[in-house]
């Protein structure tokens, strides 16, 4: 993880944010002690719509799709 002083962070904030967007965290220090941390925002979790549609239409281990199981009141 990269470190930067408060003064350095103030004058080079755009470059530090570019590092964070690239996946590298940055620790901000004041008088040699860590006071803040810049970390990448976590990405969206779970499935996106295309993956969810594919999963719903995929045959289950029983050979039925989720939609077919719903129609037969199995879900």
Foldseek 3Di string as FASTA:
>chain_A
DAEDEPVRCVVCVVVQVVVQVVQDKYFYDYPPHTDDIRHHDDDDDDDDVVVVVCQQQDQDPVRHGVVRCVVVVVD
